[in-house]
Structure formats: structure tokens, C-alpha cells
Amino acid sequence: VDNSVAQWDVDSGNEVLRLVLKHPNSVLGLALVPGTTRGVTSCADRRIRLWDLDRAEEVFAWAPTTTGLVERVAVSADGRRLATVNSAERTVRLWDLESQAEITADRNGQPGPFLDFNLDSRFRTNQLSAAVFSPGGEGVLTAIGNEARLWDARKGTELLSFSPNGIVAAASFS
């Protein structure tokens, strides 16, 4: 309700009030950058922000070119790439986190989002709800409809799929 991300001291169980990440609108997604004291948030103001968590300071913000909100974000294990999930647009986009440049896929000579679920009739009625990088960064796992699918993170080609007995709302690696 207050458009912020709070940080807590795990030992004491107290909120560290000087380290609140304040946003101009609702926070939709949060991911930590592995091996650093940085985090990434997506906000309803249509901006993605990189934060220095030790100082609660915005390092930079940018507005990716999308038609809807970025609801979820994930950072690769090496901290170099960002995956964004846009349910309304039905896309997963990859970004170079340092330059904020989109890493596009080449589809028939045309650059586009890493994964565009509008292009395959199998997915047209399914809700896209998550995308996460594999621990080594070589794959991206998505949750769409009643399936989880693993994709090659460089080529955007499907490697395998899982179909449990119901809607898949999240994805993670153990």
C-alpha cells in the first residue's frame, strides 16, 4: 500500500527504516542480484530500477519498451542479465543489466522479444506467470498455463516441458 520495499534485520527481526526502497507506485516484482548488494524492482509506473540495497539508493531506472506492465523480474546467476515477464503482452524479454539494452531474438530476420507466446497457437489462451534463469544461466524456465517449459537462454528454443495437473503459477530451480 505504501509503494515501498522494506529491508529487515534477520537477527533482530526489526525493519531497517533507513533502508526502505521508495517507489512512486506499486511494486510488482523484486529480484536480488546474486553476489552483490543490489536488487532490481519493477513498478506500476512502468519503470525498472536497479538499487544499491546497502544505501537504499536507486542506481538507475529505465522504462523498457513494452505495452503492458512488467509484473515479474529475474536476474541471472552471473548478475549480467535480467528477464522480465509481461503477462498482458505475453512476452519474456531479456536485458543486459549494465547497459539496459534488450537482448532480442531473431525471428525470420526480425528482432523481437526473447520469448513471444503470441507466435505459437498452443499458448494463445494461457496465462504467462513466471520466468526464471537456471542456476548456470544457460536456460530460462517459464510458467504458462498448465505447463512449465525450459528454454535455451541463447537461442530461445524449447528444450523440454512439464505438465502437472493444474495451473502453473510460479517456477523455480532447486
N, C-alpha and C. Protein backbone atom coordinates (compact mmCIF):
# COMPACT_ATOMS: atom_id res chain seq x y z
N VAL A 1 0.82 -1.19 0.00
CA VAL A 1 0.00 0.00 0.00
C VAL A 1 0.86 1.26 0.00
N ASP A 2 2.07 1.18 0.57
CA ASP A 2 2.89 2.38 0.66
C ASP A 2 3.95 2.48 -0.45
N ASN A 3 3.86 1.63 -1.47
CA ASN A 3 4.76 1.67 -2.63
C ASN A 3 6.23 1.56 -2.25
N SER A 4 6.54 0.67 -1.35
CA SER A 4 7.92 0.54 -0.91
C SER A 4 8.31 -0.93 -0.75
N VAL A 5 9.61 -1.14 -0.66
CA VAL A 5 10.18 -2.44 -0.32
C VAL A 5 10.96 -2.24 0.96
N ALA A 6 10.58 -2.97 2.00
CA ALA A 6 11.26 -2.84 3.28
C ALA A 6 12.40 -3.85 3.37
N GLN A 7 13.44 -3.48 4.11
CA GLN A 7 14.53 -4.41 4.40
C GLN A 7 14.51 -4.67 5.90
N TRP A 8 14.79 -5.90 6.25
CA TRP A 8 14.69 -6.32 7.63
C TRP A 8 16.01 -6.91 8.11
N ASP A 9 16.33 -6.68 9.37
CA ASP A 9 17.47 -7.30 10.02
C ASP A 9 17.02 -8.69 10.46
N VAL A 10 17.60 -9.71 9.90
CA VAL A 10 17.16 -11.08 10.18
C VAL A 10 17.43 -11.47 11.63
N ASP A 11 18.55 -11.02 12.19
CA ASP A 11 18.90 -11.39 13.57
C ASP A 11 17.93 -10.80 14.59
N SER A 12 17.58 -9.53 14.42
CA SER A 12 16.71 -8.87 15.40
C SER A 12 15.23 -8.98 15.04
N GLY A 13 14.93 -9.21 13.75
CA GLY A 13 13.54 -9.24 13.31
C GLY A 13 12.94 -7.86 13.14
N ASN A 14 13.79 -6.83 13.14
CA ASN A 14 13.31 -5.46 13.02
C ASN A 14 13.52 -4.92 11.60
N GLU A 15 12.57 -4.09 11.18
CA GLU A 15 12.71 -3.40 9.91
C GLU A 15 13.79 -2.33 10.04
N VAL A 16 14.65 -2.22 9.01
CA VAL A 16 15.68 -1.20 9.00
C VAL A 16 15.10 0.00 8.24
N LEU A 17 14.56 0.95 8.98
CA LEU A 17 13.79 2.05 8.41
C LEU A 17 14.60 2.92 7.44
N ARG A 18 15.90 3.04 7.64
CA ARG A 18 16.72 3.87 6.77
C ARG A 18 17.00 3.19 5.42
N LEU A 19 16.61 1.90 5.27
CA LEU A 19 16.89 1.16 4.04
C LEU A 19 15.63 0.80 3.25
N VAL A 20 14.58 1.58 3.38
CA VAL A 20 13.35 1.34 2.63
C VAL A 20 13.53 1.85 1.20
N LEU A 21 13.13 1.02 0.23
CA LEU A 21 13.21 1.39 -1.18
C LEU A 21 11.87 2.00 -1.58
N LYS A 22 11.84 3.31 -1.73
CA LYS A 22 10.58 4.02 -2.01
C LYS A 22 10.36 4.12 -3.53
N HIS A 23 9.11 3.86 -3.93
CA HIS A 23 8.70 3.88 -5.33
C HIS A 23 7.52 4.84 -5.50
N PRO A 24 7.31 5.39 -6.71
CA PRO A 24 6.19 6.30 -6.93
C PRO A 24 4.85 5.60 -7.13
N ASN A 25 4.88 4.26 -7.26
CA ASN A 25 3.66 3.50 -7.50
C ASN A 25 3.87 2.09 -6.94
N SER A 26 2.94 1.21 -7.16
CA SER A 26 3.01 -0.16 -6.62
C SER A 26 4.23 -0.92 -7.15
N VAL A 27 4.87 -1.65 -6.26
CA VAL A 27 5.99 -2.52 -6.63
C VAL A 27 5.40 -3.85 -7.09
N LEU A 28 5.78 -4.28 -8.30
CA LEU A 28 5.22 -5.50 -8.87
C LEU A 28 6.18 -6.68 -8.80
N GLY A 29 7.48 -6.43 -8.93
CA GLY A 29 8.46 -7.51 -8.93
C GLY A 29 9.73 -7.10 -8.23
N LEU A 30 10.44 -8.10 -7.70
CA LEU A 30 11.70 -7.88 -6.99
C LEU A 30 12.61 -9.06 -7.23
N ALA A 31 13.87 -8.78 -7.52
CA ALA A 31 14.89 -9.83 -7.64
C ALA A 31 16.20 -9.29 -7.10
N LEU A 32 16.95 -10.15 -6.43
CA LEU A 32 18.27 -9.78 -5.94
C LEU A 32 19.31 -10.13 -7.00
N VAL A 33 20.36 -9.32 -7.08
CA VAL A 33 21.46 -9.60 -7.99
C VAL A 33 22.45 -10.46 -7.23
N PRO A 34 22.63 -11.73 -7.63
CA PRO A 34 23.50 -12.66 -6.89
C PRO A 34 24.92 -12.13 -6.71
N GLY A 35 25.47 -12.36 -5.52
CA GLY A 35 26.84 -11.99 -5.23
C GLY A 35 27.07 -10.50 -5.05
N THR A 36 26.00 -9.72 -4.97
CA THR A 36 26.14 -8.27 -4.79
C THR A 36 25.17 -7.80 -3.71
N THR A 37 25.20 -6.52 -3.44
CA THR A 37 24.22 -5.91 -2.54
C THR A 37 23.28 -5.04 -3.35
N ARG A 38 22.87 -5.56 -4.50
CA ARG A 38 21.96 -4.84 -5.38
C ARG A 38 20.69 -5.63 -5.60
N GLY A 39 19.64 -4.92 -5.95
CA GLY A 39 18.37 -5.54 -6.25
C GLY A 39 17.69 -4.81 -7.40
N VAL A 40 16.76 -5.50 -8.05
CA VAL A 40 16.01 -4.94 -9.17
C VAL A 40 14.54 -4.99 -8.82
N THR A 41 13.83 -3.90 -9.10
CA THR A 41 12.38 -3.88 -8.90
C THR A 41 11.69 -3.45 -10.19
N SER A 42 10.46 -3.92 -10.35
CA SER A 42 9.58 -3.40 -11.40
C SER A 42 8.43 -2.71 -10.68
N CYS A 43 7.95 -1.64 -11.28
CA CYS A 43 6.97 -0.79 -10.63
C CYS A 43 5.81 -0.50 -11.59
N ALA A 44 4.65 -0.21 -11.03
CA ALA A 44 3.48 0.11 -11.84
C ALA A 44 3.64 1.42 -12.62
N ASP A 45 4.69 2.18 -12.37
CA ASP A 45 4.96 3.38 -13.18
C ASP A 45 5.67 3.01 -14.48
N ARG A 46 5.80 1.70 -14.74
CA ARG A 46 6.38 1.15 -15.97
C ARG A 46 7.90 1.32 -16.04
N ARG A 47 8.53 1.45 -14.88
CA ARG A 47 9.99 1.57 -14.85
C ARG A 47 10.59 0.39 -14.09
N ILE A 48 11.79 0.04 -14.50
CA ILE A 48 12.59 -0.96 -13.80
C ILE A 48 13.72 -0.21 -13.12
N ARG A 49 14.00 -0.58 -11.88
CA ARG A 49 15.02 0.12 -11.12
C ARG A 49 16.06 -0.85 -10.58
N LEU A 50 17.33 -0.43 -10.66
CA LEU A 50 18.41 -1.15 -10.00
C LEU A 50 18.75 -0.36 -8.75
N TRP A 51 18.84 -1.08 -7.63
CA TRP A 51 19.05 -0.44 -6.32
C TRP A 51 20.36 -0.88 -5.68
N ASP A 52 21.01 0.03 -4.98
CA ASP A 52 22.08 -0.29 -4.05
C ASP A 52 21.37 -0.53 -2.72
N LEU A 53 21.28 -1.78 -2.30
CA LEU A 53 20.49 -2.12 -1.11
C LEU A 53 21.14 -1.66 0.18
N ASP A 54 22.47 -1.56 0.23
CA ASP A 54 23.15 -1.10 1.44
C ASP A 54 22.89 0.37 1.73
N ARG A 55 22.57 1.13 0.69
CA ARG A 55 22.31 2.56 0.88
C ARG A 55 20.86 2.94 0.57
N ALA A 56 20.07 1.96 0.10
CA ALA A 56 18.68 2.21 -0.31
C ALA A 56 18.62 3.33 -1.33
N GLU A 57 19.56 3.29 -2.28
CA GLU A 57 19.63 4.32 -3.32
C GLU A 57 19.43 3.69 -4.69
N GLU A 58 18.68 4.39 -5.51
CA GLU A 58 18.48 3.97 -6.89
C GLU A 58 19.76 4.21 -7.68
N VAL A 59 20.27 3.16 -8.31
CA VAL A 59 21.47 3.28 -9.14
C VAL A 59 21.07 3.83 -10.50
N PHE A 60 20.03 3.26 -11.09
CA PHE A 60 19.45 3.78 -12.33
C PHE A 60 18.07 3.19 -12.51
N ALA A 61 17.31 3.84 -13.38
CA ALA A 61 15.97 3.36 -13.73
C ALA A 61 15.79 3.53 -15.23
N TRP A 62 15.00 2.65 -15.80
CA TRP A 62 14.66 2.81 -17.21
C TRP A 62 13.29 2.26 -17.48
N ALA A 63 12.69 2.76 -18.55
CA ALA A 63 11.36 2.34 -18.96
C ALA A 63 11.50 1.47 -20.20
N PRO A 64 11.39 0.15 -20.04
CA PRO A 64 11.51 -0.73 -21.20
C PRO A 64 10.34 -0.51 -22.16
N THR A 65 10.57 -0.76 -23.41
CA THR A 65 9.54 -0.57 -24.42
C THR A 65 8.61 -1.78 -24.43
N THR A 66 7.55 -1.69 -23.66
CA THR A 66 6.54 -2.74 -23.60
C THR A 66 5.17 -2.07 -23.60
N THR A 67 4.16 -2.84 -23.95
CA THR A 67 2.81 -2.28 -23.98
C THR A 67 2.08 -2.46 -22.65
N GLY A 68 2.57 -3.30 -21.80
CA GLY A 68 1.93 -3.54 -20.51
C GLY A 68 2.94 -3.41 -19.38
N LEU A 69 2.51 -3.80 -18.22
CA LEU A 69 3.36 -3.73 -17.04
C LEU A 69 4.29 -4.94 -16.96
N VAL A 70 5.48 -4.72 -16.45
CA VAL A 70 6.40 -5.81 -16.14
C VAL A 70 6.06 -6.27 -14.73
N GLU A 71 5.42 -7.46 -14.64
CA GLU A 71 4.97 -7.94 -13.34
C GLU A 71 6.04 -8.68 -12.55
N ARG A 72 6.98 -9.32 -13.27
CA ARG A 72 7.99 -10.11 -12.58
C ARG A 72 9.35 -9.88 -13.21
N VAL A 73 10.38 -9.97 -12.38
CA VAL A 73 11.76 -9.84 -12.84
C VAL A 73 12.59 -10.98 -12.25
N ALA A 74 13.62 -11.38 -12.99
CA ALA A 74 14.57 -12.38 -12.51
C ALA A 74 15.95 -12.00 -13.02
N VAL A 75 16.97 -12.26 -12.22
CA VAL A 75 18.34 -11.93 -12.59
C VAL A 75 19.13 -13.22 -12.73
N SER A 76 19.97 -13.28 -13.76
CA SER A 76 20.81 -14.46 -13.97
C SER A 76 21.83 -14.59 -12.85
N ALA A 77 22.36 -15.79 -12.65
CA ALA A 77 23.30 -16.06 -11.56
C ALA A 77 24.57 -15.21 -11.66
N ASP A 78 24.98 -14.85 -12.88
CA ASP A 78 26.17 -14.02 -13.03
C ASP A 78 25.86 -12.53 -12.87
N GLY A 79 24.59 -12.18 -12.68
CA GLY A 79 24.19 -10.80 -12.45
C GLY A 79 24.22 -9.92 -13.68
N ARG A 80 24.39 -10.51 -14.85
CA ARG A 80 24.52 -9.71 -16.07
C ARG A 80 23.21 -9.53 -16.84
N ARG A 81 22.29 -10.49 -16.70
CA ARG A 81 21.06 -10.42 -17.49
C ARG A 81 19.83 -10.36 -16.59
N LEU A 82 18.81 -9.71 -17.12
CA LEU A 82 17.54 -9.57 -16.44
C LEU A 82 16.46 -10.15 -17.34
N ALA A 83 15.56 -10.92 -16.78
CA ALA A 83 14.39 -11.40 -17.50
C ALA A 83 13.18 -10.66 -16.95
N THR A 84 12.31 -10.18 -17.85
CA THR A 84 11.09 -9.51 -17.43
C THR A 84 9.89 -10.26 -18.00
N VAL A 85 8.83 -10.36 -17.19
CA VAL A 85 7.60 -11.03 -17.60
C VAL A 85 6.51 -9.98 -17.73
N ASN A 86 5.88 -9.96 -18.89
CA ASN A 86 4.78 -9.06 -19.17
C ASN A 86 3.59 -9.92 -19.58
N SER A 87 2.67 -10.15 -18.66
CA SER A 87 1.53 -11.04 -18.92
C SER A 87 0.61 -10.49 -20.00
N ALA A 88 0.33 -9.20 -19.98
CA ALA A 88 -0.58 -8.62 -20.97
C ALA A 88 0.01 -8.71 -22.37
N GLU A 89 1.29 -8.48 -22.49
CA GLU A 89 1.98 -8.54 -23.77
C GLU A 89 2.30 -9.99 -24.15
N ARG A 90 2.30 -10.89 -23.13
CA ARG A 90 2.59 -12.32 -23.29
C ARG A 90 4.01 -12.55 -23.79
N THR A 91 4.96 -11.80 -23.19
CA THR A 91 6.36 -11.91 -23.59
C THR A 91 7.27 -12.06 -22.38
N VAL A 92 8.41 -12.69 -22.65
CA VAL A 92 9.54 -12.68 -21.73
C VAL A 92 10.65 -11.98 -22.49
N ARG A 93 11.15 -10.90 -21.91
CA ARG A 93 12.23 -10.16 -22.55
C ARG A 93 13.49 -10.30 -21.71
N LEU A 94 14.63 -10.36 -22.38
CA LEU A 94 15.93 -10.40 -21.71
C LEU A 94 16.62 -9.08 -21.93
N TRP A 95 17.35 -8.64 -20.89
CA TRP A 95 18.03 -7.35 -20.91
C TRP A 95 19.46 -7.52 -20.41
N ASP A 96 20.36 -6.72 -20.96
CA ASP A 96 21.70 -6.59 -20.41
C ASP A 96 21.54 -5.63 -19.24
N LEU A 97 21.81 -6.09 -18.03
CA LEU A 97 21.52 -5.28 -16.84
C LEU A 97 22.41 -4.04 -16.76
N GLU A 98 23.63 -4.11 -17.27
CA GLU A 98 24.52 -2.96 -17.19
C GLU A 98 24.11 -1.86 -18.17
N SER A 99 23.81 -2.23 -19.40
CA SER A 99 23.51 -1.23 -20.42
C SER A 99 22.01 -0.96 -20.58
N GLN A 100 21.16 -1.79 -19.98
CA GLN A 100 19.71 -1.74 -20.12
C GLN A 100 19.26 -1.99 -21.56
N ALA A 101 20.12 -2.60 -22.37
CA ALA A 101 19.78 -2.91 -23.76
C ALA A 101 19.06 -4.26 -23.81
N GLU A 102 18.02 -4.32 -24.65
CA GLU A 102 17.29 -5.57 -24.79
C GLU A 102 18.10 -6.55 -25.62
N ILE A 103 18.10 -7.80 -25.18
CA ILE A 103 18.73 -8.90 -25.91
C ILE A 103 17.60 -9.55 -26.71
N THR A 104 17.59 -9.30 -28.01
CA THR A 104 16.46 -9.74 -28.82
C THR A 104 16.74 -11.09 -29.48
N ALA A 105 15.66 -11.74 -29.88
CA ALA A 105 15.74 -12.97 -30.64
C ALA A 105 15.50 -12.62 -32.10
N ASP A 106 16.12 -13.36 -33.00
CA ASP A 106 15.94 -13.13 -34.42
C ASP A 106 14.91 -14.12 -34.95
N ARG A 107 13.77 -13.60 -35.36
CA ARG A 107 12.71 -14.44 -35.91
C ARG A 107 12.47 -14.04 -37.35
N ASN A 108 12.94 -14.88 -38.26
CA ASN A 108 12.77 -14.62 -39.69
C ASN A 108 13.33 -13.26 -40.10
N GLY A 109 14.52 -12.95 -39.59
CA GLY A 109 15.17 -11.71 -39.95
C GLY A 109 14.68 -10.49 -39.21
N GLN A 110 13.76 -10.67 -38.25
CA GLN A 110 13.22 -9.55 -37.48
C GLN A 110 13.56 -9.72 -36.00
N PRO A 111 14.13 -8.69 -35.38
CA PRO A 111 14.39 -8.79 -33.93
C PRO A 111 13.09 -8.70 -33.15
N GLY A 112 13.04 -9.39 -32.03
CA GLY A 112 11.86 -9.34 -31.19
C GLY A 112 12.16 -9.82 -29.79
N PRO A 113 11.14 -9.94 -28.95
CA PRO A 113 11.35 -10.40 -27.58
C PRO A 113 11.98 -11.78 -27.56
N PHE A 114 12.68 -12.08 -26.50
CA PHE A 114 13.29 -13.40 -26.33
C PHE A 114 12.24 -14.50 -26.51
N LEU A 115 11.12 -14.39 -25.81
CA LEU A 115 10.00 -15.32 -25.97
C LEU A 115 8.73 -14.53 -26.20
N ASP A 116 8.04 -14.82 -27.27
CA ASP A 116 6.77 -14.18 -27.58
C ASP A 116 5.74 -15.29 -27.71
N PHE A 117 4.92 -15.45 -26.68
CA PHE A 117 3.97 -16.55 -26.63
C PHE A 117 2.75 -16.31 -27.53
N ASN A 118 2.68 -15.17 -28.19
CA ASN A 118 1.62 -14.91 -29.15
C ASN A 118 1.89 -15.60 -30.49
N LEU A 119 3.14 -16.00 -30.72
CA LEU A 119 3.52 -16.56 -32.01
C LEU A 119 3.16 -18.04 -32.16
N ASP A 120 2.83 -18.69 -31.05
CA ASP A 120 2.54 -20.12 -31.08
C ASP A 120 1.10 -20.35 -30.61
N SER A 121 0.29 -20.93 -31.46
CA SER A 121 -1.14 -21.11 -31.14
C SER A 121 -1.36 -21.97 -29.90
N ARG A 122 -0.39 -22.78 -29.51
CA ARG A 122 -0.53 -23.61 -28.29
C ARG A 122 -0.67 -22.76 -27.03
N PHE A 123 -0.18 -21.52 -27.07
CA PHE A 123 -0.12 -20.70 -25.87
C PHE A 123 -1.10 -19.53 -25.88
N ARG A 124 -1.85 -19.34 -26.91
CA ARG A 124 -2.65 -18.12 -27.07
C ARG A 124 -3.68 -17.89 -25.97
N THR A 125 -4.18 -18.93 -25.35
CA THR A 125 -5.18 -18.74 -24.30
C THR A 125 -4.60 -18.94 -22.90
N ASN A 126 -3.31 -19.16 -22.79
CA ASN A 126 -2.70 -19.45 -21.49
C ASN A 126 -2.10 -18.20 -20.85
N GLN A 127 -2.16 -18.12 -19.54
CA GLN A 127 -1.61 -17.02 -18.76
C GLN A 127 -0.11 -17.23 -18.54
N LEU A 128 0.70 -16.26 -18.91
CA LEU A 128 2.13 -16.28 -18.64
C LEU A 128 2.33 -15.72 -17.24
N SER A 129 2.93 -16.52 -16.35
CA SER A 129 3.02 -16.07 -14.97
C SER A 129 4.43 -15.97 -14.40
N ALA A 130 5.44 -16.58 -15.05
CA ALA A 130 6.78 -16.52 -14.45
C ALA A 130 7.85 -16.87 -15.47
N ALA A 131 9.07 -16.37 -15.19
CA ALA A 131 10.28 -16.75 -15.93
C ALA A 131 11.45 -16.59 -14.98
N VAL A 132 12.29 -17.62 -14.91
CA VAL A 132 13.48 -17.58 -14.07
C VAL A 132 14.65 -18.20 -14.82
N PHE A 133 15.85 -17.75 -14.51
CA PHE A 133 17.06 -18.31 -15.11
C PHE A 133 17.44 -19.60 -14.38
N SER A 134 18.02 -20.55 -15.12
CA SER A 134 18.59 -21.74 -14.49
C SER A 134 19.83 -21.31 -13.70
N PRO A 135 20.28 -22.13 -12.74
CA PRO A 135 21.43 -21.73 -11.91
C PRO A 135 22.67 -21.35 -12.72
N GLY A 136 22.92 -22.02 -13.83
CA GLY A 136 24.08 -21.69 -14.65
C GLY A 136 23.82 -20.61 -15.68
N GLY A 137 22.56 -20.19 -15.81
CA GLY A 137 22.20 -19.15 -16.74
C GLY A 137 22.00 -19.61 -18.17
N GLU A 138 22.15 -20.92 -18.41
CA GLU A 138 22.01 -21.42 -19.77
C GLU A 138 20.57 -21.65 -20.19
N GLY A 139 19.65 -21.64 -19.23
CA GLY A 139 18.25 -21.87 -19.52
C GLY A 139 17.34 -20.85 -18.87
N VAL A 140 16.13 -20.74 -19.40
CA VAL A 140 15.09 -19.92 -18.80
C VAL A 140 13.86 -20.81 -18.65
N LEU A 141 13.35 -20.89 -17.43
CA LEU A 141 12.17 -21.70 -17.12
C LEU A 141 10.96 -20.76 -17.05
N THR A 142 9.90 -21.11 -17.79
CA THR A 142 8.69 -20.29 -17.77
C THR A 142 7.53 -21.10 -17.23
N ALA A 143 6.57 -20.38 -16.67
CA ALA A 143 5.30 -20.97 -16.25
C ALA A 143 4.23 -20.30 -17.10
N ILE A 144 3.53 -21.12 -17.89
CA ILE A 144 2.48 -20.59 -18.75
C ILE A 144 1.35 -21.60 -18.80
N GLY A 145 0.16 -21.13 -18.40
CA GLY A 145 -0.99 -22.03 -18.37
C GLY A 145 -0.77 -23.18 -17.42
N ASN A 146 -0.93 -24.40 -17.92
CA ASN A 146 -0.73 -25.58 -17.07
C ASN A 146 0.59 -26.27 -17.40
N GLU A 147 1.58 -25.49 -17.85
CA GLU A 147 2.87 -26.07 -18.21
C GLU A 147 4.03 -25.21 -17.72
N ALA A 148 5.12 -25.90 -17.42
CA ALA A 148 6.41 -25.24 -17.21
C ALA A 148 7.29 -25.66 -18.38
N ARG A 149 8.01 -24.71 -18.95
CA ARG A 149 8.83 -25.00 -20.12
C ARG A 149 10.23 -24.44 -19.92
N LEU A 150 11.22 -25.25 -20.31
CA LEU A 150 12.62 -24.85 -20.21
C LEU A 150 13.09 -24.46 -21.62
N TRP A 151 13.72 -23.28 -21.71
CA TRP A 151 14.16 -22.73 -22.98
C TRP A 151 15.67 -22.51 -22.95
N ASP A 152 16.32 -22.65 -24.10
CA ASP A 152 17.73 -22.32 -24.24
C ASP A 152 17.84 -20.79 -24.13
N ALA A 153 18.65 -20.30 -23.20
CA ALA A 153 18.74 -18.86 -22.93
C ALA A 153 19.46 -18.09 -24.03
N ARG A 154 20.15 -18.76 -24.92
CA ARG A 154 20.81 -18.07 -26.02
C ARG A 154 19.98 -18.08 -27.29
N LYS A 155 19.33 -19.19 -27.56
CA LYS A 155 18.61 -19.35 -28.82
C LYS A 155 17.11 -19.14 -28.71
N GLY A 156 16.54 -19.25 -27.52
CA GLY A 156 15.10 -19.13 -27.37
C GLY A 156 14.35 -20.36 -27.85
N THR A 157 15.06 -21.46 -27.98
CA THR A 157 14.42 -22.70 -28.42
C THR A 157 14.01 -23.53 -27.21
N GLU A 158 12.90 -24.22 -27.34
CA GLU A 158 12.37 -25.03 -26.24
C GLU A 158 13.21 -26.29 -26.08
N LEU A 159 13.58 -26.57 -24.83
CA LEU A 159 14.36 -27.78 -24.52
C LEU A 159 13.48 -28.90 -24.00
N LEU A 160 12.52 -28.58 -23.12
CA LEU A 160 11.58 -29.56 -22.60
C LEU A 160 10.44 -28.90 -21.88
N SER A 161 9.39 -29.67 -21.63
CA SER A 161 8.23 -29.13 -20.93
C SER A 161 7.74 -30.10 -19.88
N PHE A 162 7.05 -29.55 -18.89
CA PHE A 162 6.46 -30.31 -17.80
C PHE A 162 4.98 -29.95 -17.75
N SER A 163 4.14 -30.93 -17.55
CA SER A 163 2.69 -30.66 -17.49
C SER A 163 2.08 -31.31 -16.25
N PRO A 164 2.10 -30.60 -15.13
CA PRO A 164 1.46 -31.14 -13.94
C PRO A 164 -0.06 -31.07 -14.08
N ASN A 165 -0.77 -31.45 -13.06
CA ASN A 165 -2.24 -31.49 -13.11
C ASN A 165 -2.89 -30.20 -12.62
N GLY A 166 -2.61 -29.10 -13.25
CA GLY A 166 -3.21 -27.84 -12.87
C GLY A 166 -2.42 -26.66 -13.38
N ILE A 167 -2.88 -25.48 -13.04
CA ILE A 167 -2.24 -24.24 -13.47
C ILE A 167 -0.88 -24.09 -12.79
N VAL A 168 0.12 -23.68 -13.55
CA VAL A 168 1.46 -23.41 -13.03
C VAL A 168 1.57 -21.91 -12.84
N ALA A 169 1.71 -21.45 -11.60
CA ALA A 169 1.74 -20.02 -11.31
C ALA A 169 3.13 -19.50 -10.99
N ALA A 170 4.08 -20.40 -10.75
CA ALA A 170 5.43 -19.99 -10.41
C ALA A 170 6.43 -21.02 -10.92
N ALA A 171 7.69 -20.61 -11.01
CA ALA A 171 8.73 -21.51 -11.46
C ALA A 171 10.00 -21.26 -10.65
N SER A 172 10.74 -22.33 -10.36
CA SER A 172 11.96 -22.19 -9.58
C SER A 172 12.84 -23.41 -9.81
N PHE A 173 14.13 -23.25 -9.55
CA PHE A 173 15.06 -24.36 -9.60
C PHE A 173 15.47 -24.72 -8.18
N SER A 174 15.70 -26.00 -7.91
CA SER A 174 16.16 -26.40 -6.58
C SER A 174 17.67 -26.36 -6.55
